[in-house]
Protein backbone atom coordinates (compact mmCIF):
# COMPACT_ATOMS: atom_id res chain seq x y z
CA MET A 1 79.65 114.78 97.90
CA ASP A 2 79.38 114.01 94.18
CA ASP A 3 83.04 114.92 93.71
CA LEU A 4 83.94 112.38 96.44
CA ARG A 5 82.04 109.44 94.95
CA LYS A 6 85.23 107.36 94.54
CA GLN A 7 86.27 108.04 98.15
CA VAL A 8 82.78 107.17 99.45
CA ILE A 9 82.97 103.72 97.78
CA GLU A 10 86.55 103.28 99.00
CA THR A 11 85.52 104.14 102.57
CA VAL A 12 82.77 101.51 102.59
CA THR A 13 84.91 98.79 101.00
CA GLU A 14 88.17 99.57 102.86
CA PRO A 15 87.34 101.45 106.09
CA GLU A 16 89.89 102.34 108.74
CA ILE A 17 87.25 102.33 111.48
CA ILE A 18 83.68 101.06 111.76
CA GLN A 19 81.47 102.57 114.45
CA LYS A 20 77.97 101.64 115.56
CA GLY A 21 75.28 104.12 114.49
CA ASP A 22 72.28 105.21 116.52
CA PHE A 23 69.60 103.32 114.56
CA GLY A 24 71.23 100.03 113.51
CA GLU A 25 73.34 101.52 110.73
CA LEU A 26 77.12 101.23 110.55
CA LEU A 27 79.55 104.11 110.08
CA ALA A 28 82.53 103.40 107.85
CA ILE A 29 85.32 105.92 108.38
CA ARG A 30 88.53 106.85 106.56
CA PHE A 31 90.85 109.81 106.97
CA TYR A 32 91.75 111.75 103.82
CA HIS A 33 94.70 114.12 103.94
CA LYS A 34 93.34 116.09 101.00
CA THR A 35 89.67 116.84 100.27
CA SER A 36 87.95 119.78 98.59
CA LEU A 37 88.15 121.54 101.97
CA THR A 38 91.19 120.36 103.99
CA SER A 39 92.18 117.09 105.64
CA LYS A 40 89.01 115.45 106.99
CA PHE A 41 87.45 112.19 108.06
CA LEU A 42 84.93 110.83 105.58
CA VAL A 43 82.06 109.08 107.38
CA VAL A 44 79.70 106.89 105.36
CA ALA A 45 76.53 105.67 107.10
CA TYR A 46 75.31 102.41 105.59
CA ARG A 47 73.15 99.42 106.35
CA GLU A 48 73.98 95.80 105.58
CA ILE A 49 71.08 93.62 104.46
CA SER A 50 73.19 90.50 103.96
CA LEU A 51 76.87 89.63 103.47
CA CYS A 52 76.53 90.55 99.79
CA ASP A 53 73.97 93.36 99.88
CA GLY A 54 73.47 96.72 101.53
CA PHE A 55 72.99 100.41 100.84
CA ILE A 56 74.52 103.78 101.69
CA ILE A 57 72.31 106.12 103.72
CA THR A 58 74.48 109.26 103.70
CA ALA A 59 78.06 110.47 103.77
CA TYR A 60 79.71 113.51 105.29
CA LEU A 61 83.09 115.08 106.11
CA THR A 62 84.09 115.92 109.68
CA ASN A 63 87.12 117.24 111.55
CA GLU A 64 86.89 114.77 114.42
CA LEU A 65 85.11 111.57 115.33
CA SER A 66 82.57 111.14 118.09
CA SER A 67 84.16 109.66 121.20
CA LYS A 68 80.70 108.54 122.39
CA ARG A 69 80.16 106.00 119.59
CA VAL A 70 81.09 102.33 120.00
CA ILE A 71 83.98 101.23 117.80
CA LEU A 72 83.14 97.83 116.29
CA TRP A 73 86.29 97.43 114.22
CA LYS A 74 89.56 99.28 113.74
CA ARG A 75 92.41 98.65 111.33
């Protein structure tokens, strides 16, 4: 994911979708037409500590989103 560092930050700051995670984390999601593989969704799991502070837990690429997760926000 090191080569996608810019996209990871962009996904957290300007997500297209935010889903609820399993353990209190949030999942910021953006679709990228071109990645090192093919077109994929970039999912960044993060936790907010306050309005101005938080941290990224992990990030990964996927072909499709889970339909079982609750969508909290959608652009």
